[in-house]
Amino acid sequence: MTEVIYLKVSEKTEAAKKAGRRVSVSGMLKFLGVSRSGYHAWLHRVPSDTEKRRESVKEKIQDIYDDSRQNYGAPKITVELRKTGEVISERTVGTYMRQMGIRAQWSKPWTITTKDSDFSTELQNILDEQFNPDRPNTVWCSDITYIWTIDGFVYLTSIMNLFSRKIMPGHFQKHWKYPA
């Protein structure tokens, strides 16, 4: 928390210097409730080896993430880092990615639910868009749909008599297909 305060004080001081204004760093530090000695020690602190390694790994993570067009998550980035000889866990990579504000793109896989075939040679259009037949049971129309349930997909087929515009009783089936 104090590091954030020190960083803000440092930014404000630099901005004031650039604008040609004088600012009391001691006054700011006293107002914010942090010590002057702590601030000056922070200003002259040299990053530790751990901190240097952390920043180096974060740069590598960013490079791998950008090269993958922002698709790779922590597992794949960990594999890529290990290929370069880096010893790091997937959890650490995930933590660094969260700190950096990056995450993998996820898209739902697209599944083909129907199979289209070329019926042009097998079927002929004998109805010719005449949807008002003169007698019952001369023209039927059907449709099929699927409904997702807890047990799997339920395929529902209905057949309609175009003369009466009613669903034919007893001409329905349900087909169960359980998920794999």
N, C-alpha and C. Protein backbone atom coordinates (compact mmCIF):
# COMPACT_ATOMS: atom_id res chain seq x y z
N MET A 1 0.82 -1.20 0.00
CA MET A 1 0.00 0.00 0.00
C MET A 1 0.86 1.26 0.00
N THR A 2 1.90 1.23 0.84
CA THR A 2 2.77 2.42 0.88
C THR A 2 3.52 2.61 -0.43
N GLU A 3 3.80 1.51 -1.13
CA GLU A 3 4.49 1.64 -2.41
C GLU A 3 3.62 2.41 -3.41
N VAL A 4 2.33 2.20 -3.35
CA VAL A 4 1.40 2.93 -4.22
C VAL A 4 1.43 4.42 -3.87
N ILE A 5 1.47 4.72 -2.59
CA ILE A 5 1.53 6.13 -2.15
C ILE A 5 2.85 6.75 -2.63
N TYR A 6 3.96 6.02 -2.45
CA TYR A 6 5.26 6.53 -2.90
C TYR A 6 5.25 6.79 -4.39
N LEU A 7 4.65 5.90 -5.14
CA LEU A 7 4.60 6.04 -6.59
C LEU A 7 3.81 7.29 -6.97
N LYS A 8 2.69 7.52 -6.32
CA LYS A 8 1.87 8.71 -6.60
C LYS A 8 2.63 10.00 -6.26
N VAL A 9 3.30 9.98 -5.11
CA VAL A 9 4.07 11.16 -4.70
C VAL A 9 5.16 11.43 -5.72
N SER A 10 5.83 10.37 -6.16
CA SER A 10 6.89 10.52 -7.15
C SER A 10 6.34 11.09 -8.46
N GLU A 11 5.17 10.60 -8.91
CA GLU A 11 4.55 11.11 -10.14
C GLU A 11 4.18 12.58 -9.99
N LYS A 12 3.59 12.94 -8.86
CA LYS A 12 3.19 14.34 -8.62
C LYS A 12 4.41 15.25 -8.59
N THR A 13 5.49 14.77 -7.98
CA THR A 13 6.72 15.56 -7.89
C THR A 13 7.30 15.80 -9.28
N GLU A 14 7.36 14.75 -10.09
CA GLU A 14 7.87 14.88 -11.46
C GLU A 14 7.02 15.82 -12.28
N ALA A 15 5.70 15.72 -12.15
CA ALA A 15 4.79 16.59 -12.90
C ALA A 15 4.99 18.05 -12.49
N ALA A 16 5.18 18.29 -11.20
CA ALA A 16 5.39 19.66 -10.71
C ALA A 16 6.71 20.21 -11.23
N LYS A 17 7.77 19.37 -11.26
CA LYS A 17 9.07 19.82 -11.77
C LYS A 17 8.98 20.19 -13.25
N LYS A 18 8.27 19.39 -14.02
CA LYS A 18 8.12 19.66 -15.45
C LYS A 18 7.33 20.94 -15.69
N ALA A 19 6.37 21.21 -14.81
CA ALA A 19 5.55 22.42 -14.95
C ALA A 19 6.27 23.65 -14.38
N GLY A 20 7.43 23.43 -13.78
CA GLY A 20 8.19 24.55 -13.21
C GLY A 20 7.68 25.02 -11.86
N ARG A 21 6.92 24.19 -11.19
CA ARG A 21 6.42 24.55 -9.86
C ARG A 21 7.26 23.88 -8.80
N ARG A 22 7.23 24.48 -7.63
CA ARG A 22 7.90 23.88 -6.47
C ARG A 22 6.83 23.18 -5.64
N VAL A 23 7.20 22.03 -5.15
CA VAL A 23 6.26 21.25 -4.35
C VAL A 23 6.98 20.73 -3.12
N SER A 24 6.27 20.68 -2.01
CA SER A 24 6.85 20.19 -0.77
C SER A 24 6.57 18.69 -0.65
N VAL A 25 7.62 17.90 -0.91
CA VAL A 25 7.49 16.45 -0.80
C VAL A 25 7.23 16.06 0.65
N SER A 26 7.93 16.71 1.57
CA SER A 26 7.74 16.40 2.99
C SER A 26 6.30 16.66 3.42
N GLY A 27 5.73 17.75 2.92
CA GLY A 27 4.34 18.08 3.26
C GLY A 27 3.38 17.03 2.72
N MET A 28 3.61 16.59 1.49
CA MET A 28 2.74 15.55 0.91
C MET A 28 2.84 14.26 1.71
N LEU A 29 4.07 13.88 2.04
CA LEU A 29 4.28 12.63 2.78
C LEU A 29 3.65 12.69 4.16
N LYS A 30 3.78 13.85 4.80
CA LYS A 30 3.19 14.03 6.14
C LYS A 30 1.66 13.96 6.04
N PHE A 31 1.10 14.59 4.99
CA PHE A 31 -0.35 14.60 4.78
C PHE A 31 -0.87 13.18 4.53
N LEU A 32 -0.09 12.40 3.79
CA LEU A 32 -0.50 11.03 3.47
C LEU A 32 -0.18 10.03 4.57
N GLY A 33 0.57 10.46 5.56
CA GLY A 33 0.84 9.60 6.72
C GLY A 33 1.93 8.57 6.51
N VAL A 34 2.91 8.88 5.65
CA VAL A 34 4.04 7.97 5.45
C VAL A 34 5.33 8.72 5.77
N SER A 35 6.37 7.94 6.09
CA SER A 35 7.62 8.58 6.53
C SER A 35 8.47 9.04 5.34
N ARG A 36 9.25 10.12 5.61
CA ARG A 36 10.18 10.63 4.60
C ARG A 36 11.30 9.64 4.34
N SER A 37 11.79 9.04 5.43
CA SER A 37 12.91 8.10 5.28
C SER A 37 12.49 6.89 4.43
N GLY A 38 11.27 6.41 4.63
CA GLY A 38 10.75 5.29 3.83
C GLY A 38 10.64 5.66 2.37
N TYR A 39 10.18 6.89 2.10
CA TYR A 39 10.05 7.36 0.72
C TYR A 39 11.41 7.45 0.05
N HIS A 40 12.40 8.05 0.74
CA HIS A 40 13.73 8.19 0.15
C HIS A 40 14.42 6.83 -0.02
N ALA A 41 14.17 5.91 0.92
CA ALA A 41 14.72 4.57 0.76
C ALA A 41 14.10 3.88 -0.46
N TRP A 42 12.80 4.11 -0.66
CA TRP A 42 12.10 3.53 -1.81
C TRP A 42 12.63 4.12 -3.12
N LEU A 43 12.93 5.42 -3.12
CA LEU A 43 13.44 6.07 -4.33
C LEU A 43 14.77 5.48 -4.79
N HIS A 44 15.61 5.12 -3.82
CA HIS A 44 16.96 4.63 -4.15
C HIS A 44 17.07 3.11 -4.10
N ARG A 45 15.92 2.45 -3.97
CA ARG A 45 15.93 0.99 -3.88
C ARG A 45 16.28 0.38 -5.23
N VAL A 46 17.15 -0.62 -5.21
CA VAL A 46 17.52 -1.37 -6.41
C VAL A 46 16.63 -2.61 -6.46
N PRO A 47 16.05 -2.91 -7.62
CA PRO A 47 15.18 -4.09 -7.70
C PRO A 47 15.94 -5.37 -7.36
N SER A 48 15.29 -6.26 -6.63
CA SER A 48 15.92 -7.53 -6.25
C SER A 48 15.99 -8.46 -7.46
N ASP A 49 16.75 -9.54 -7.32
CA ASP A 49 16.85 -10.52 -8.39
C ASP A 49 15.49 -11.14 -8.70
N THR A 50 14.72 -11.39 -7.65
CA THR A 50 13.38 -11.95 -7.83
C THR A 50 12.49 -11.00 -8.63
N GLU A 51 12.57 -9.71 -8.29
CA GLU A 51 11.78 -8.72 -9.00
C GLU A 51 12.20 -8.62 -10.46
N LYS A 52 13.51 -8.68 -10.71
CA LYS A 52 14.01 -8.64 -12.09
C LYS A 52 13.53 -9.86 -12.88
N ARG A 53 13.60 -11.04 -12.24
CA ARG A 53 13.13 -12.26 -12.92
C ARG A 53 11.64 -12.18 -13.21
N ARG A 54 10.88 -11.67 -12.23
CA ARG A 54 9.43 -11.55 -12.40
C ARG A 54 9.10 -10.67 -13.60
N GLU A 55 9.78 -9.55 -13.71
CA GLU A 55 9.53 -8.64 -14.84
C GLU A 55 9.95 -9.28 -16.16
N SER A 56 11.06 -10.02 -16.15
CA SER A 56 11.52 -10.71 -17.35
C SER A 56 10.49 -11.75 -17.81
N VAL A 57 9.97 -12.52 -16.85
CA VAL A 57 8.98 -13.55 -17.17
C VAL A 57 7.70 -12.89 -17.68
N LYS A 58 7.31 -11.78 -17.08
CA LYS A 58 6.09 -11.08 -17.54
C LYS A 58 6.25 -10.59 -18.97
N GLU A 59 7.44 -10.13 -19.34
CA GLU A 59 7.69 -9.71 -20.72
C GLU A 59 7.57 -10.90 -21.67
N LYS A 60 8.13 -12.05 -21.26
CA LYS A 60 8.04 -13.25 -22.09
C LYS A 60 6.58 -13.70 -22.25
N ILE A 61 5.83 -13.64 -21.15
CA ILE A 61 4.41 -14.00 -21.19
C ILE A 61 3.68 -13.10 -22.17
N GLN A 62 3.94 -11.79 -22.11
CA GLN A 62 3.29 -10.85 -23.01
C GLN A 62 3.64 -11.15 -24.47
N ASP A 63 4.91 -11.49 -24.74
CA ASP A 63 5.34 -11.82 -26.11
C ASP A 63 4.63 -13.07 -26.62
N ILE A 64 4.59 -14.11 -25.80
CA ILE A 64 3.92 -15.36 -26.21
C ILE A 64 2.44 -15.11 -26.42
N TYR A 65 1.84 -14.34 -25.54
CA TYR A 65 0.42 -14.02 -25.63
C TYR A 65 0.11 -13.26 -26.92
N ASP A 66 0.96 -12.29 -27.26
CA ASP A 66 0.75 -11.51 -28.49
C ASP A 66 1.00 -12.36 -29.73
N ASP A 67 2.02 -13.24 -29.69
CA ASP A 67 2.32 -14.11 -30.83
C ASP A 67 1.18 -15.09 -31.11
N SER A 68 0.44 -15.46 -30.06
CA SER A 68 -0.68 -16.39 -30.23
C SER A 68 -1.97 -15.66 -30.61
N ARG A 69 -1.87 -14.38 -30.92
CA ARG A 69 -3.03 -13.53 -31.22
C ARG A 69 -4.03 -13.53 -30.06
N GLN A 70 -3.51 -13.50 -28.86
CA GLN A 70 -4.27 -13.40 -27.61
C GLN A 70 -5.18 -14.60 -27.38
N ASN A 71 -4.76 -15.77 -27.90
CA ASN A 71 -5.55 -16.98 -27.73
C ASN A 71 -5.03 -17.87 -26.60
N TYR A 72 -3.74 -17.83 -26.32
CA TYR A 72 -3.17 -18.74 -25.33
C TYR A 72 -3.52 -18.30 -23.92
N GLY A 73 -3.82 -19.30 -23.08
CA GLY A 73 -4.03 -19.07 -21.67
C GLY A 73 -2.81 -19.56 -20.89
N ALA A 74 -2.95 -19.63 -19.58
CA ALA A 74 -1.84 -20.02 -18.72
C ALA A 74 -1.26 -21.40 -19.05
N PRO A 75 -2.08 -22.42 -19.35
CA PRO A 75 -1.48 -23.73 -19.63
C PRO A 75 -0.55 -23.73 -20.85
N LYS A 76 -1.00 -23.14 -21.95
CA LYS A 76 -0.18 -23.14 -23.16
C LYS A 76 1.02 -22.21 -23.03
N ILE A 77 0.84 -21.09 -22.36
CA ILE A 77 1.97 -20.18 -22.16
C ILE A 77 3.02 -20.85 -21.28
N THR A 78 2.59 -21.62 -20.28
CA THR A 78 3.53 -22.34 -19.42
C THR A 78 4.34 -23.33 -20.24
N VAL A 79 3.69 -24.04 -21.15
CA VAL A 79 4.40 -25.00 -22.00
C VAL A 79 5.44 -24.28 -22.85
N GLU A 80 5.06 -23.14 -23.43
CA GLU A 80 5.99 -22.38 -24.27
C GLU A 80 7.18 -21.85 -23.45
N LEU A 81 6.90 -21.39 -22.22
CA LEU A 81 7.99 -20.90 -21.37
C LEU A 81 8.95 -22.03 -21.00
N ARG A 82 8.39 -23.21 -20.72
CA ARG A 82 9.23 -24.35 -20.35
C ARG A 82 10.10 -24.79 -21.53
N LYS A 83 9.59 -24.61 -22.75
CA LYS A 83 10.40 -24.96 -23.94
C LYS A 83 11.65 -24.09 -24.02
N THR A 84 11.55 -22.85 -23.51
CA THR A 84 12.71 -21.95 -23.55
C THR A 84 13.62 -22.15 -22.34
N GLY A 85 13.29 -23.12 -21.47
CA GLY A 85 14.14 -23.42 -20.33
C GLY A 85 13.71 -22.74 -19.04
N GLU A 86 12.60 -22.05 -19.07
CA GLU A 86 12.09 -21.36 -17.88
C GLU A 86 11.46 -22.39 -16.94
N VAL A 87 11.78 -22.32 -15.66
CA VAL A 87 11.18 -23.20 -14.66
C VAL A 87 10.09 -22.40 -13.97
N ILE A 88 8.83 -22.72 -14.27
CA ILE A 88 7.70 -21.94 -13.75
C ILE A 88 6.46 -22.82 -13.72
N SER A 89 5.58 -22.56 -12.77
CA SER A 89 4.35 -23.34 -12.67
C SER A 89 3.22 -22.63 -13.43
N GLU A 90 2.22 -23.41 -13.78
CA GLU A 90 1.05 -22.87 -14.48
C GLU A 90 0.31 -21.85 -13.60
N ARG A 91 0.28 -22.14 -12.31
CA ARG A 91 -0.41 -21.24 -11.39
C ARG A 91 0.28 -19.87 -11.33
N THR A 92 1.60 -19.87 -11.35
CA THR A 92 2.35 -18.61 -11.33
C THR A 92 2.09 -17.83 -12.61
N VAL A 93 2.08 -18.52 -13.75
CA VAL A 93 1.79 -17.85 -15.02
C VAL A 93 0.39 -17.24 -14.97
N GLY A 94 -0.58 -17.99 -14.43
CA GLY A 94 -1.94 -17.48 -14.30
C GLY A 94 -2.00 -16.24 -13.41
N THR A 95 -1.25 -16.26 -12.32
CA THR A 95 -1.20 -15.11 -11.41
C THR A 95 -0.62 -13.89 -12.12
N TYR A 96 0.48 -14.09 -12.84
CA TYR A 96 1.11 -12.98 -13.57
C TYR A 96 0.15 -12.43 -14.63
N MET A 97 -0.55 -13.33 -15.32
CA MET A 97 -1.49 -12.88 -16.35
C MET A 97 -2.61 -12.04 -15.74
N ARG A 98 -3.10 -12.46 -14.57
CA ARG A 98 -4.13 -11.67 -13.88
C ARG A 98 -3.60 -10.30 -13.50
N GLN A 99 -2.37 -10.26 -12.98
CA GLN A 99 -1.76 -8.98 -12.60
C GLN A 99 -1.59 -8.08 -13.81
N MET A 100 -1.29 -8.68 -14.96
CA MET A 100 -1.08 -7.91 -16.19
C MET A 100 -2.41 -7.55 -16.86
N GLY A 101 -3.49 -8.16 -16.41
CA GLY A 101 -4.80 -7.86 -16.98
C GLY A 101 -5.03 -8.51 -18.34
N ILE A 102 -4.40 -9.66 -18.58
CA ILE A 102 -4.63 -10.35 -19.84
C ILE A 102 -5.24 -11.71 -19.58
N ARG A 103 -6.06 -12.17 -20.52
CA ARG A 103 -6.66 -13.49 -20.42
C ARG A 103 -6.91 -14.04 -21.81
N ALA A 104 -6.99 -15.35 -21.89
CA ALA A 104 -7.14 -16.01 -23.18
C ALA A 104 -8.52 -15.73 -23.77
N GLN A 105 -8.56 -15.67 -25.10
CA GLN A 105 -9.84 -15.56 -25.80
C GLN A 105 -10.45 -16.95 -25.80
N TRP A 106 -11.74 -17.05 -25.54
CA TRP A 106 -12.40 -18.34 -25.59
C TRP A 106 -13.60 -18.22 -26.50
N SER A 107 -13.69 -19.14 -27.44
CA SER A 107 -14.87 -19.14 -28.30
C SER A 107 -15.49 -20.52 -28.24
N LYS A 108 -16.79 -20.53 -28.21
CA LYS A 108 -17.52 -21.78 -28.11
C LYS A 108 -17.33 -22.55 -29.41
N PRO A 109 -16.96 -23.84 -29.31
CA PRO A 109 -16.77 -24.60 -30.53
C PRO A 109 -18.08 -24.74 -31.29
N TRP A 110 -18.02 -24.62 -32.62
CA TRP A 110 -19.20 -24.70 -33.44
C TRP A 110 -19.43 -26.14 -33.84
N THR A 111 -20.64 -26.63 -33.66
CA THR A 111 -20.95 -28.00 -33.97
C THR A 111 -21.99 -28.06 -35.09
N ILE A 112 -21.80 -28.96 -36.00
CA ILE A 112 -22.78 -29.15 -37.07
C ILE A 112 -23.92 -29.98 -36.50
N THR A 113 -25.14 -29.47 -36.56
CA THR A 113 -26.28 -30.20 -36.02
C THR A 113 -27.12 -30.82 -37.12
N THR A 114 -27.00 -30.35 -38.32
CA THR A 114 -27.74 -30.93 -39.44
C THR A 114 -26.77 -31.24 -40.57
N LYS A 115 -27.15 -32.19 -41.38
CA LYS A 115 -26.32 -32.54 -42.53
C LYS A 115 -27.11 -32.21 -43.79
N ASP A 116 -26.55 -31.37 -44.59
CA ASP A 116 -27.20 -30.95 -45.81
C ASP A 116 -26.71 -31.84 -46.95
N SER A 117 -27.61 -32.32 -47.75
CA SER A 117 -27.20 -33.09 -48.91
C SER A 117 -27.89 -32.54 -50.14
N ASP A 118 -27.41 -32.89 -51.27
CA ASP A 118 -27.95 -32.37 -52.52
C ASP A 118 -29.11 -33.25 -52.97
N PHE A 119 -30.34 -32.75 -52.82
CA PHE A 119 -31.53 -33.50 -53.20
C PHE A 119 -32.00 -33.17 -54.61
N SER A 120 -31.27 -32.37 -55.33
CA SER A 120 -31.75 -31.88 -56.62
C SER A 120 -32.01 -33.02 -57.61
N THR A 121 -31.26 -34.10 -57.53
CA THR A 121 -31.47 -35.20 -58.46
C THR A 121 -32.48 -36.20 -57.94
N GLU A 122 -32.69 -36.26 -56.65
CA GLU A 122 -33.58 -37.26 -56.07
C GLU A 122 -35.02 -36.78 -55.95
N LEU A 123 -35.23 -35.53 -55.62
CA LEU A 123 -36.58 -35.03 -55.37
C LEU A 123 -37.01 -34.04 -56.45
N GLN A 124 -38.29 -34.01 -56.67
CA GLN A 124 -38.84 -33.05 -57.62
C GLN A 124 -39.89 -32.22 -56.91
N ASN A 125 -40.06 -31.00 -57.34
CA ASN A 125 -41.03 -30.10 -56.74
C ASN A 125 -42.39 -30.32 -57.40
N ILE A 126 -43.14 -31.27 -56.84
CA ILE A 126 -44.45 -31.56 -57.42
C ILE A 126 -45.53 -30.66 -56.83
N LEU A 127 -45.26 -30.01 -55.71
CA LEU A 127 -46.24 -29.10 -55.10
C LEU A 127 -46.30 -27.78 -55.85
N ASP A 128 -45.19 -27.33 -56.36
CA ASP A 128 -45.09 -26.11 -57.15
C ASP A 128 -45.76 -24.92 -56.46
N GLU A 129 -45.51 -24.80 -55.16
CA GLU A 129 -45.99 -23.70 -54.32
C GLU A 129 -47.52 -23.56 -54.29
N GLN A 130 -48.23 -24.67 -54.49
CA GLN A 130 -49.70 -24.69 -54.35
C GLN A 130 -50.01 -25.17 -52.94
N PHE A 131 -50.13 -24.22 -51.99
CA PHE A 131 -50.27 -24.57 -50.58
C PHE A 131 -51.73 -24.67 -50.12
N ASN A 132 -52.68 -24.64 -51.02
CA ASN A 132 -54.10 -24.75 -50.67
C ASN A 132 -54.71 -25.93 -51.44
N PRO A 133 -54.53 -27.15 -50.93
CA PRO A 133 -55.06 -28.32 -51.64
C PRO A 133 -56.59 -28.35 -51.61
N ASP A 134 -57.18 -29.09 -52.58
CA ASP A 134 -58.65 -29.17 -52.70
C ASP A 134 -59.24 -30.24 -51.80
N ARG A 135 -58.47 -31.27 -51.46
CA ARG A 135 -58.99 -32.38 -50.67
C ARG A 135 -58.07 -32.65 -49.48
N PRO A 136 -58.62 -33.28 -48.40
CA PRO A 136 -57.77 -33.65 -47.27
C PRO A 136 -56.84 -34.80 -47.64
N ASN A 137 -55.73 -34.87 -46.94
CA ASN A 137 -54.73 -35.93 -47.05
C ASN A 137 -54.09 -36.03 -48.44
N THR A 138 -54.08 -34.94 -49.17
CA THR A 138 -53.37 -34.94 -50.45
C THR A 138 -51.99 -34.30 -50.31
N VAL A 139 -51.87 -33.32 -49.42
CA VAL A 139 -50.58 -32.65 -49.22
C VAL A 139 -50.30 -32.56 -47.72
N TRP A 140 -49.17 -33.13 -47.35
CA TRP A 140 -48.71 -33.04 -45.96
C TRP A 140 -47.41 -32.25 -45.93
N CYS A 141 -47.20 -31.60 -44.81
CA CYS A 141 -45.98 -30.82 -44.60
C CYS A 141 -45.37 -31.26 -43.27
N SER A 142 -44.06 -31.37 -43.21
CA SER A 142 -43.45 -31.80 -41.95
C SER A 142 -42.27 -30.89 -41.60
N ASP A 143 -41.91 -30.94 -40.33
CA ASP A 143 -40.77 -30.18 -39.85
C ASP A 143 -40.15 -30.96 -38.70
N ILE A 144 -38.89 -30.69 -38.46
CA ILE A 144 -38.17 -31.37 -37.38
C ILE A 144 -37.38 -30.32 -36.61
N THR A 145 -37.32 -30.48 -35.32
CA THR A 145 -36.52 -29.60 -34.47
C THR A 145 -35.91 -30.41 -33.35
N TYR A 146 -34.97 -29.86 -32.67
CA TYR A 146 -34.40 -30.56 -31.54
C TYR A 146 -34.47 -29.65 -30.32
N ILE A 147 -34.66 -30.28 -29.17
CA ILE A 147 -34.79 -29.55 -27.91
C ILE A 147 -33.79 -30.14 -26.94
N TRP A 148 -33.02 -29.32 -26.31
CA TRP A 148 -32.03 -29.77 -25.34
C TRP A 148 -32.72 -29.98 -24.00
N THR A 149 -32.56 -31.18 -23.43
CA THR A 149 -33.08 -31.48 -22.10
C THR A 149 -31.94 -31.96 -21.23
N ILE A 150 -32.22 -32.24 -19.99
CA ILE A 150 -31.20 -32.71 -19.06
C ILE A 150 -30.62 -34.04 -19.54
N ASP A 151 -31.46 -34.88 -20.13
CA ASP A 151 -31.03 -36.20 -20.57
C ASP A 151 -30.35 -36.19 -21.93
N GLY A 152 -30.44 -35.12 -22.68
CA GLY A 152 -29.84 -35.05 -24.01
C GLY A 152 -30.77 -34.31 -24.96
N PHE A 153 -30.53 -34.46 -26.25
CA PHE A 153 -31.38 -33.82 -27.25
C PHE A 153 -32.64 -34.67 -27.46
N VAL A 154 -33.75 -34.00 -27.62
CA VAL A 154 -34.99 -34.66 -28.03
C VAL A 154 -35.32 -34.10 -29.40
N TYR A 155 -35.42 -34.99 -30.39
CA TYR A 155 -35.79 -34.56 -31.73
C TYR A 155 -37.29 -34.67 -31.87
N LEU A 156 -37.94 -33.61 -32.28
CA LEU A 156 -39.39 -33.58 -32.40
C LEU A 156 -39.77 -33.37 -33.85
N THR A 157 -40.58 -34.29 -34.37
CA THR A 157 -41.05 -34.20 -35.75
C THR A 157 -42.56 -34.06 -35.74
N SER A 158 -43.10 -33.17 -36.56
CA SER A 158 -44.54 -33.02 -36.66
C SER A 158 -44.94 -33.04 -38.13
N ILE A 159 -46.13 -33.57 -38.41
CA ILE A 159 -46.66 -33.64 -39.78
C ILE A 159 -48.01 -32.94 -39.79
N MET A 160 -48.18 -32.01 -40.75
CA MET A 160 -49.40 -31.22 -40.82
C MET A 160 -50.11 -31.49 -42.14
N ASN A 161 -51.41 -31.65 -42.07
CA ASN A 161 -52.24 -31.77 -43.26
C ASN A 161 -52.51 -30.35 -43.76
N LEU A 162 -52.07 -30.01 -44.94
CA LEU A 162 -52.21 -28.63 -45.42
C LEU A 162 -53.66 -28.25 -45.73
N PHE A 163 -54.54 -29.24 -45.93
CA PHE A 163 -55.94 -28.92 -46.18
C PHE A 163 -56.61 -28.38 -44.92
N SER A 164 -56.44 -29.10 -43.79
CA SER A 164 -57.08 -28.67 -42.54
C SER A 164 -56.16 -27.82 -41.66
N ARG A 165 -54.89 -27.75 -42.00
CA ARG A 165 -53.89 -27.01 -41.22
C ARG A 165 -53.78 -27.53 -39.78
N LYS A 166 -53.99 -28.83 -39.60
CA LYS A 166 -53.89 -29.45 -38.28
C LYS A 166 -52.78 -30.48 -38.28
N ILE A 167 -52.18 -30.65 -37.10
CA ILE A 167 -51.14 -31.66 -36.94
C ILE A 167 -51.81 -33.04 -36.98
N MET A 168 -51.23 -33.95 -37.72
CA MET A 168 -51.80 -35.29 -37.86
C MET A 168 -51.64 -36.04 -36.54
N PRO A 169 -52.73 -36.53 -35.95
CA PRO A 169 -52.62 -37.27 -34.68
C PRO A 169 -51.95 -38.61 -34.91
N GLY A 170 -51.07 -38.96 -33.96
CA GLY A 170 -50.41 -40.25 -34.01
C GLY A 170 -49.25 -40.31 -35.00
N HIS A 171 -48.96 -39.22 -35.69
CA HIS A 171 -47.86 -39.20 -36.65
C HIS A 171 -46.70 -38.39 -36.10
N PHE A 172 -46.34 -38.65 -34.89
CA PHE A 172 -45.17 -37.96 -34.33
C PHE A 172 -44.27 -38.97 -33.67
N GLN A 173 -43.01 -38.65 -33.65
CA GLN A 173 -42.03 -39.51 -33.01
C GLN A 173 -41.06 -38.64 -32.26
N LYS A 174 -40.53 -39.19 -31.22
CA LYS A 174 -39.43 -38.51 -30.55
C LYS A 174 -38.24 -39.45 -30.54
N HIS A 175 -37.12 -38.92 -30.88
CA HIS A 175 -35.89 -39.70 -30.94
C HIS A 175 -34.93 -39.15 -29.91
N TRP A 176 -34.44 -40.04 -29.08
CA TRP A 176 -33.51 -39.60 -28.04
C TRP A 176 -32.10 -39.80 -28.53
N LYS A 177 -31.30 -38.80 -28.27
CA LYS A 177 -29.87 -38.94 -28.53
C LYS A 177 -29.17 -38.45 -27.28
N TYR A 178 -28.49 -39.34 -26.60
CA TYR A 178 -27.84 -38.97 -25.37
C TYR A 178 -26.49 -38.33 -25.65
N PRO A 179 -26.10 -37.37 -24.80
CA PRO A 179 -24.81 -36.72 -25.02
C PRO A 179 -23.66 -37.70 -24.83
N ALA A 180 -22.58 -37.47 -25.56
CA ALA A 180 -21.42 -38.36 -25.47
C ALA A 180 -20.62 -38.11 -24.22
